Amino acid sequence: MQSPTVTERLLATTDHLIRPDRNLNDCQTWIHPRLTQSVDPIKGRQLRVSQPVRKGELLLVDRPYALIPVVDHPEESEDIRCSHSGCHRPVARTGERVSCPSRCSADVIWCDRSCRDADQSRHEFECTWLKKYATSIRLKWGEYDFGMLWLIVRILASRHREIQQKTTTAPQRDERSGHAISQSFKTGWTAIRSFCGTQETWSHSQVRHWTMLVKKYLANNPSSPHGMSPGDVLDLICQEEANSFGLYPRETGVLPLLDPPLDRGEQFGAAVYATAAIANHSCYPNIIHKPDHQGRMVFVASKDIAAGEECCISYFDLTKYSDLKSRRDHLQASFRFVCRCDRCVSEEPREEQAQWDELPSVDDF
């Protein structure tokens, strides 16, 4: 299957990239036949291309395993998305909005009753939890902890549904040859559990805080029957925090910067993706990424990529952190690593380069 290209401006959204003759609109996940994964002894999993890829080629369309809205006033927001995992389209404030009959949370809405009905089994898993805890968590711990816990609940809901269905996703197939593609990529819950990120990745104070939240709000019980131990849920939080994506209306990773710079906009959601999470960071990325109108993460080559070259995204808005120190400080604080990408190394003072022969321990942060 030949990948679509963009000739004028790289807009990482399937609305612009998928031509009418391509049947990608209803796909779960589409992976470029040349996109592969490997393992580096230091960086862990990586995305690479087996053969050259041209600037502007679509590399990945990845449907979220779990997604939550991140908006201040859901009743008035135009950015809130349909809660149905098979939809996730924006729901206009002036259009029809269907709320949960139990009024579990104002953040939970659907496009229409058909989306609500199709999402019933998944939503039942989170509904009781939201009614019981949403308000109290927000008041006591704030929006960030609430969003993190809710995303974990939605991950567990997707896992619960996956176990109930007892089916595995069939591999994607090339439309022309009919052969399965990208069989080496894990899917579903198996992929989520293979994410990097352990308790050792994070500070002791952070892990203690998460441990308390798990015991108080994410225990396995009849109203939230996820069947996992507190330790396993804590491990899942460590993985989610290291691999989840913030969702923004404009592309992340565009270089060179426009004049004047155009940031990626205000965050409207957070999500976890089985395949997109493999991508590592570079301060000079060769991939730009952006969610499409269904919340699918879309990767596009922002430059020509040579055979065997690693495919990297930027983990942050490059208009916000431009100099070496601000980039490294942000990555240390948010993602717990010291960036050694080609751009960062090239910008180091000579006397500093000799100091990075051995990476510092995470306990030093």
Protein backbone atom coordinates (compact mmCIF):
# COMPACT_ATOMS: atom_id res chain seq x y z
CA MET A 1 0.00 0.00 0.00
CA GLN A 2 1.63 3.24 -1.12
CA SER A 3 1.66 6.00 1.47
CA PRO A 4 -0.04 9.34 0.72
CA THR A 5 2.17 12.42 0.49
CA VAL A 6 1.76 16.11 1.22
CA THR A 7 3.22 18.51 -1.33
CA GLU A 8 2.36 21.95 -0.02
CA ARG A 9 2.53 21.97 3.81
CA LEU A 10 2.88 19.15 6.25
CA LEU A 11 -0.41 19.03 8.14
CA ALA A 12 -0.34 15.88 10.22
CA THR A 13 -3.99 14.98 10.07
CA THR A 14 -5.74 12.24 8.14
CA ASP A 15 -8.24 14.81 6.82
CA HIS A 16 -5.44 16.13 4.59
CA LEU A 17 -3.30 13.05 4.11
CA ILE A 18 -5.79 10.33 3.24
CA ARG A 19 -6.94 10.53 -0.35
CA PRO A 20 -10.45 9.37 -1.28
CA ASP A 21 -9.10 6.20 -2.91
CA ARG A 22 -7.45 5.08 0.36
CA ASN A 23 -9.58 3.06 2.77
CA LEU A 24 -8.04 4.29 6.02
CA ASN A 25 -10.95 6.15 7.53
CA ASP A 26 -12.21 3.19 9.54
CA CYS A 27 -8.87 1.53 10.30
CA GLN A 28 -7.85 0.69 13.84
CA THR A 29 -4.16 1.25 13.18
CA TRP A 30 -2.29 1.70 9.92
CA ILE A 31 1.49 1.25 9.85
CA HIS A 32 3.75 2.05 6.90
CA PRO A 33 5.20 -1.21 5.50
CA ARG A 34 8.72 0.22 5.92
CA LEU A 35 8.24 1.19 9.55
CA THR A 36 9.85 -1.32 11.91
CA GLN A 37 10.85 -1.47 15.55
CA SER A 38 14.13 -2.43 17.15
CA VAL A 39 15.66 -2.35 20.62
CA ASP A 40 18.62 -0.23 21.66
CA PRO A 41 20.50 -1.33 24.83
CA ILE A 42 20.33 2.22 26.25
CA LYS A 43 17.22 3.84 24.74
CA GLY A 44 15.04 0.74 24.64
CA ARG A 45 12.46 0.33 21.87
CA GLN A 46 12.85 2.41 18.72
CA LEU A 47 11.02 3.05 15.46
CA ARG A 48 13.14 2.78 12.32
CA VAL A 49 12.54 2.53 8.58
CA SER A 50 13.79 -0.51 6.68
CA GLN A 51 14.03 1.44 3.40
CA PRO A 52 14.20 5.16 2.56
CA VAL A 53 11.08 7.24 3.23
CA ARG A 54 10.41 10.61 1.61
CA LYS A 55 9.52 13.82 3.35
CA GLY A 56 5.75 14.09 3.65
CA GLU A 57 4.99 10.35 3.72
CA LEU A 58 2.41 9.09 6.18
CA LEU A 59 4.09 6.65 8.58
CA LEU A 60 1.47 5.81 11.18
CA VAL A 61 -2.21 6.22 12.04
CA ASP A 62 -2.72 4.86 15.55
CA ARG A 63 -6.09 4.65 17.29
CA PRO A 64 -5.94 5.41 21.05
CA TYR A 65 -6.21 2.57 23.52
CA ALA A 66 -7.65 5.11 25.96
CA LEU A 67 -8.38 8.85 25.69
CA ILE A 68 -9.73 11.46 28.11
CA PRO A 69 -10.77 15.07 27.49
CA VAL A 70 -8.74 17.89 29.05
CA VAL A 71 -10.93 20.99 28.97
CA ASP A 72 -11.76 23.61 31.61
CA HIS A 73 -15.48 24.00 30.97
CA PRO A 74 -16.87 20.88 29.23
CA GLU A 75 -20.39 22.27 28.94
CA GLU A 76 -19.11 25.21 26.88
CA SER A 77 -16.05 23.73 25.18
CA GLU A 78 -15.89 23.13 21.44
CA ASP A 79 -12.86 20.84 21.92
CA ILE A 80 -14.50 18.09 23.97
CA ARG A 81 -14.62 14.70 22.24
CA CYS A 82 -17.18 11.94 22.03
CA SER A 83 -16.47 9.35 24.75
CA HIS A 84 -17.11 6.38 22.45
CA SER A 85 -13.73 4.77 21.78
CA GLY A 86 -14.73 4.08 18.19
CA CYS A 87 -15.54 7.75 17.53
CA HIS A 88 -13.72 10.42 19.60
CA ARG A 89 -14.92 13.14 17.21
CA PRO A 90 -15.36 16.72 18.47
CA VAL A 91 -18.89 17.43 19.65
CA ALA A 92 -19.99 20.98 18.91
CA ARG A 93 -21.47 22.96 21.77
CA THR A 94 -24.43 23.94 19.62
CA GLY A 95 -25.06 20.42 18.36
CA GLU A 96 -26.72 17.43 19.97
CA ARG A 97 -24.87 16.24 23.04
CA VAL A 98 -25.85 13.11 24.93
CA SER A 99 -24.80 12.92 28.58
CA CYS A 100 -24.57 9.96 30.91
CA PRO A 101 -28.04 9.15 32.34
CA SER A 102 -26.38 8.83 35.76
CA ARG A 103 -24.73 12.25 35.40
CA CYS A 104 -21.39 10.78 36.42
CA SER A 105 -19.31 13.64 34.98
CA ALA A 106 -19.84 16.67 32.75
CA ASP A 107 -16.73 15.58 30.83
CA VAL A 108 -18.51 12.45 29.57
CA ILE A 109 -20.59 13.12 26.47
CA TRP A 110 -21.41 11.36 23.21
CA CYS A 111 -22.22 12.54 19.69
CA ASP A 112 -25.62 10.91 19.80
CA ARG A 113 -27.51 8.03 21.37
CA SER A 114 -26.04 5.47 18.98
CA CYS A 115 -22.52 6.32 20.17
CA ARG A 116 -23.68 6.19 23.80
CA ASP A 117 -25.33 2.80 23.30
CA ALA A 118 -22.29 1.39 21.48
CA ASP A 119 -20.07 2.61 24.34
CA GLN A 120 -22.26 1.28 27.14
CA SER A 121 -20.16 -1.73 28.18
CA ARG A 122 -16.96 0.31 28.38
CA HIS A 123 -18.56 3.26 30.14
CA GLU A 124 -20.24 1.09 32.78
CA PHE A 125 -16.76 0.26 34.04
CA GLU A 126 -15.88 3.92 34.69
CA CYS A 127 -19.30 5.36 35.54
CA THR A 128 -19.44 4.28 39.17
CA TRP A 129 -15.82 5.36 39.70
CA LEU A 130 -16.50 8.83 38.29
CA LYS A 131 -19.63 9.32 40.39
CA LYS A 132 -17.78 8.25 43.53
CA TYR A 133 -14.44 10.00 43.11
CA ALA A 134 -14.32 12.66 40.36
CA THR A 135 -15.38 15.63 42.46
CA SER A 136 -13.38 14.71 45.56
CA ILE A 137 -10.16 13.99 43.63
CA ARG A 138 -10.38 17.30 41.79
CA LEU A 139 -10.97 19.23 44.99
CA LYS A 140 -8.26 17.50 47.04
CA TRP A 141 -5.55 16.70 44.49
CA GLY A 142 -6.23 18.87 41.45
CA GLU A 143 -6.87 18.37 37.75
CA TYR A 144 -3.57 16.68 36.89
CA ASP A 145 -3.98 13.80 39.36
CA PHE A 146 -7.64 13.45 38.44
CA GLY A 147 -6.78 13.25 34.74
CA MET A 148 -4.01 10.72 35.35
CA LEU A 149 -6.28 8.50 37.45
CA TRP A 150 -9.15 8.77 34.96
CA LEU A 151 -6.85 7.81 32.09
CA ILE A 152 -5.76 4.75 34.08
CA VAL A 153 -9.43 3.86 34.66
CA ARG A 154 -10.11 4.13 30.93
CA ILE A 155 -7.08 1.94 30.21
CA LEU A 156 -8.44 -0.62 32.65
CA ALA A 157 -11.88 -0.32 31.03
CA SER A 158 -10.37 -1.07 27.61
CA ARG A 159 -8.51 -4.02 29.12
CA HIS A 160 -11.71 -5.26 30.77
CA ARG A 161 -13.57 -5.12 27.47
CA GLU A 162 -10.68 -6.82 25.68
CA ILE A 163 -10.77 -9.70 28.18
CA GLN A 164 -14.55 -10.00 27.84
CA GLN A 165 -14.33 -10.18 24.06
CA LYS A 166 -11.47 -12.67 24.23
CA THR A 167 -10.36 -11.71 20.75
CA THR A 168 -7.18 -10.28 19.32
CA THR A 169 -7.01 -7.65 16.65
CA ALA A 170 -6.30 -9.11 13.23
CA PRO A 171 -3.13 -7.80 11.60
CA GLN A 172 -3.54 -5.00 9.08
CA ARG A 173 -3.20 -6.10 5.45
CA ASP A 174 -1.87 -4.49 2.32
CA GLU A 175 -4.83 -3.70 0.05
CA ARG A 176 -3.00 -4.87 -3.09
CA SER A 177 -1.10 -7.97 -1.95
CA GLY A 178 -3.39 -9.03 0.90
CA HIS A 179 -0.32 -9.86 2.99
CA ALA A 180 -0.21 -8.96 6.66
CA ILE A 181 2.01 -5.99 7.48
CA SER A 182 3.86 -4.94 10.62
CA GLN A 183 3.25 -8.25 12.39
CA SER A 184 6.09 -7.49 14.79
CA PHE A 185 4.07 -4.73 16.47
CA LYS A 186 2.12 -5.72 19.56
CA THR A 187 -1.48 -4.61 19.94
CA GLY A 188 -3.99 -3.98 22.71
CA TRP A 189 -3.21 -4.71 26.34
CA THR A 190 -0.11 -6.70 25.38
CA ALA A 191 1.36 -3.55 23.84
CA ILE A 192 0.46 -1.40 26.85
CA ARG A 193 2.21 -3.79 29.25
CA SER A 194 5.37 -3.68 27.11
CA PHE A 195 5.77 0.10 27.62
CA CYS A 196 8.96 1.38 29.18
CA GLY A 197 8.74 2.97 32.62
CA THR A 198 9.18 1.40 36.06
CA GLN A 199 9.04 2.56 39.65
CA GLU A 200 12.80 3.10 39.45
CA THR A 201 12.22 5.64 36.66
CA TRP A 202 10.56 8.10 39.02
CA SER A 203 11.53 9.82 42.26
CA HIS A 204 10.72 8.11 45.54
CA SER A 205 8.38 10.93 46.55
CA GLN A 206 6.43 10.62 43.29
CA VAL A 207 6.09 6.85 43.64
CA ARG A 208 4.92 7.23 47.26
CA HIS A 209 2.25 9.70 46.13
CA TRP A 210 1.04 7.38 43.37
CA THR A 211 1.01 4.45 45.80
CA MET A 212 -1.31 6.39 48.09
CA LEU A 213 -3.61 7.29 45.17
CA VAL A 214 -3.78 3.66 44.03
CA LYS A 215 -4.75 2.40 47.48
CA LYS A 216 -7.36 5.12 47.93
CA TYR A 217 -8.91 5.37 44.46
CA LEU A 218 -7.92 2.40 42.26
CA ALA A 219 -8.39 -0.66 44.46
CA ASN A 220 -9.93 -3.75 42.89
CA ASN A 221 -13.49 -4.07 44.17
CA PRO A 222 -16.98 -5.03 42.90
CA SER A 223 -17.60 -1.53 41.53
CA SER A 224 -14.20 -1.46 39.74
CA PRO A 225 -13.45 -5.13 39.01
CA HIS A 226 -10.12 -4.80 37.20
CA GLY A 227 -8.54 -7.80 38.95
CA MET A 228 -5.09 -6.23 39.30
CA SER A 229 -2.97 -5.93 42.43
CA PRO A 230 -2.05 -2.48 43.79
CA GLY A 231 1.54 -3.10 42.67
CA ASP A 232 0.45 -3.86 39.12
CA VAL A 233 -1.70 -0.72 38.98
CA LEU A 234 1.22 1.32 40.30
CA ASP A 235 3.43 -0.15 37.57
CA LEU A 236 0.78 0.81 35.02
CA ILE A 237 0.83 4.41 36.25
CA CYS A 238 4.63 4.49 35.89
CA GLN A 239 4.25 3.27 32.31
CA GLU A 240 1.38 5.58 31.43
CA GLU A 241 3.18 8.66 32.77
CA ALA A 242 6.21 7.83 30.62
CA ASN A 243 4.26 7.09 27.43
CA SER A 244 0.99 9.04 27.25
CA PHE A 245 0.46 11.84 24.73
CA GLY A 246 -1.00 15.27 25.26
CA LEU A 247 -3.38 16.10 22.41
CA TYR A 248 -3.05 19.50 20.74
CA PRO A 249 -4.80 21.07 17.72
CA ARG A 250 -1.61 21.80 15.75
CA GLU A 251 1.46 19.77 14.82
CA THR A 252 4.25 19.01 17.28
CA GLY A 253 7.82 18.90 16.00
CA VAL A 254 7.74 21.34 13.08
CA LEU A 255 11.25 22.62 12.22
CA PRO A 256 12.48 25.09 11.19
CA LEU A 257 10.21 27.27 13.28
CA LEU A 258 7.88 29.63 11.50
CA ASP A 259 8.52 33.37 11.74
CA PRO A 260 6.79 34.35 13.95
CA PRO A 261 6.69 30.96 15.73
CA LEU A 262 3.31 29.19 15.87
CA ASP A 263 2.82 26.99 18.91
CA ARG A 264 0.77 23.81 18.90
CA GLY A 265 -2.18 25.38 20.74
CA GLU A 266 -4.06 24.47 23.91
CA GLN A 267 -4.23 20.86 25.06
CA PHE A 268 -7.68 19.30 24.68
CA GLY A 269 -6.99 15.69 25.63
CA ALA A 270 -4.59 13.00 26.79
CA ALA A 271 -4.29 9.50 25.37
CA VAL A 272 -2.31 6.28 25.30
CA TYR A 273 -1.35 4.65 21.99
CA ALA A 274 -0.01 1.13 21.51
CA THR A 275 2.38 1.86 18.62
CA ALA A 276 2.99 5.62 18.71
CA ALA A 277 4.43 5.23 22.23
CA ILE A 278 7.45 3.42 20.78
CA ALA A 279 8.79 6.64 19.23
CA ASN A 280 11.70 8.24 21.07
CA HIS A 281 12.42 11.94 21.41
CA SER A 282 14.75 14.19 19.46
CA CYS A 283 15.09 17.98 19.68
CA TYR A 284 15.53 17.85 15.90
CA PRO A 285 12.82 15.30 15.02
CA ASN A 286 12.26 13.74 11.62
CA ILE A 287 8.56 13.12 12.37
CA ILE A 288 5.79 15.59 13.11
CA HIS A 289 2.71 14.33 14.91
CA LYS A 290 -0.83 15.45 15.59
CA PRO A 291 -4.15 13.80 16.48
CA ASP A 292 -6.74 13.69 13.74
CA HIS A 293 -10.48 14.35 14.10
CA GLN A 294 -10.99 10.90 15.68
CA GLY A 295 -8.15 11.22 18.19
CA ARG A 296 -5.90 8.92 16.16
CA MET A 297 -2.22 9.84 16.40
CA VAL A 298 -0.75 10.55 12.97
CA PHE A 299 2.98 10.44 12.23
CA VAL A 300 4.35 12.12 9.09
CA ALA A 301 7.96 12.24 7.90
CA SER A 302 9.08 15.87 8.15
CA LYS A 303 12.26 15.18 6.17
CA ASP A 304 13.72 12.40 4.05
CA ILE A 305 14.57 9.43 6.28
CA ALA A 306 17.36 7.05 5.26
CA ALA A 307 17.15 3.27 5.51
CA GLY A 308 17.92 2.14 9.05
CA GLU A 309 17.53 5.65 10.51
CA GLU A 310 15.61 6.05 13.76
CA CYS A 311 12.27 7.85 13.52
CA CYS A 312 11.90 10.38 16.35
CA ILE A 313 9.25 12.83 17.46
CA SER A 314 9.50 15.82 19.79
CA TYR A 315 7.99 15.22 23.22
CA PHE A 316 7.30 18.94 23.68
CA ASP A 317 6.43 22.13 21.82
CA LEU A 318 9.67 23.27 20.21
CA THR A 319 8.46 26.89 20.25
CA LYS A 320 8.41 26.79 24.08
CA TYR A 321 11.88 25.44 24.82
CA SER A 322 14.45 26.64 22.32
CA ASP A 323 17.86 26.74 24.02
CA LEU A 324 19.82 23.70 25.22
CA LYS A 325 19.37 24.29 28.96
CA SER A 326 15.59 24.83 28.83
CA ARG A 327 15.12 21.72 26.67
CA ARG A 328 17.18 19.49 28.93
CA ASP A 329 15.65 20.89 32.10
CA HIS A 330 12.16 20.25 30.76
CA LEU A 331 12.97 16.70 29.66
CA GLN A 332 14.63 15.88 32.98
CA ALA A 333 11.65 17.21 34.95
CA SER A 334 8.91 15.69 32.78
CA PHE A 335 10.41 12.54 31.28
CA ARG A 336 13.35 11.72 33.56
CA PHE A 337 16.17 11.55 31.03
CA VAL A 338 19.04 13.68 29.79
CA CYS A 339 18.66 14.36 26.09
CA ARG A 340 21.67 13.32 24.03
CA CYS A 341 20.17 13.84 20.58
CA ASP A 342 22.44 15.18 17.82
CA ARG A 343 21.11 18.70 18.26
CA CYS A 344 21.75 18.80 22.01
CA VAL A 345 25.25 17.31 21.68
CA SER A 346 26.16 19.79 18.94
CA GLU A 347 25.06 22.72 21.13
CA GLU A 348 27.05 21.65 24.19
CA PRO A 349 30.09 23.75 25.17
CA ARG A 350 33.24 21.69 24.63
CA GLU A 351 34.01 21.52 28.35
CA GLU A 352 30.50 20.17 29.01
CA GLN A 353 30.68 17.41 26.42
CA ALA A 354 33.32 15.58 28.45
CA GLN A 355 30.97 15.45 31.45
CA TRP A 356 28.32 13.34 29.73
CA ASP A 357 30.34 10.18 29.21
CA GLU A 358 28.19 8.58 31.90
CA LEU A 359 24.52 9.48 32.38
CA PRO A 360 23.50 10.48 35.91
CA SER A 361 21.31 8.23 38.00
CA VAL A 362 17.62 9.11 38.20
CA ASP A 363 18.11 9.48 41.96
CA ASP A 364 20.28 12.52 41.19
CA PHE A 365 17.28 14.44 39.79
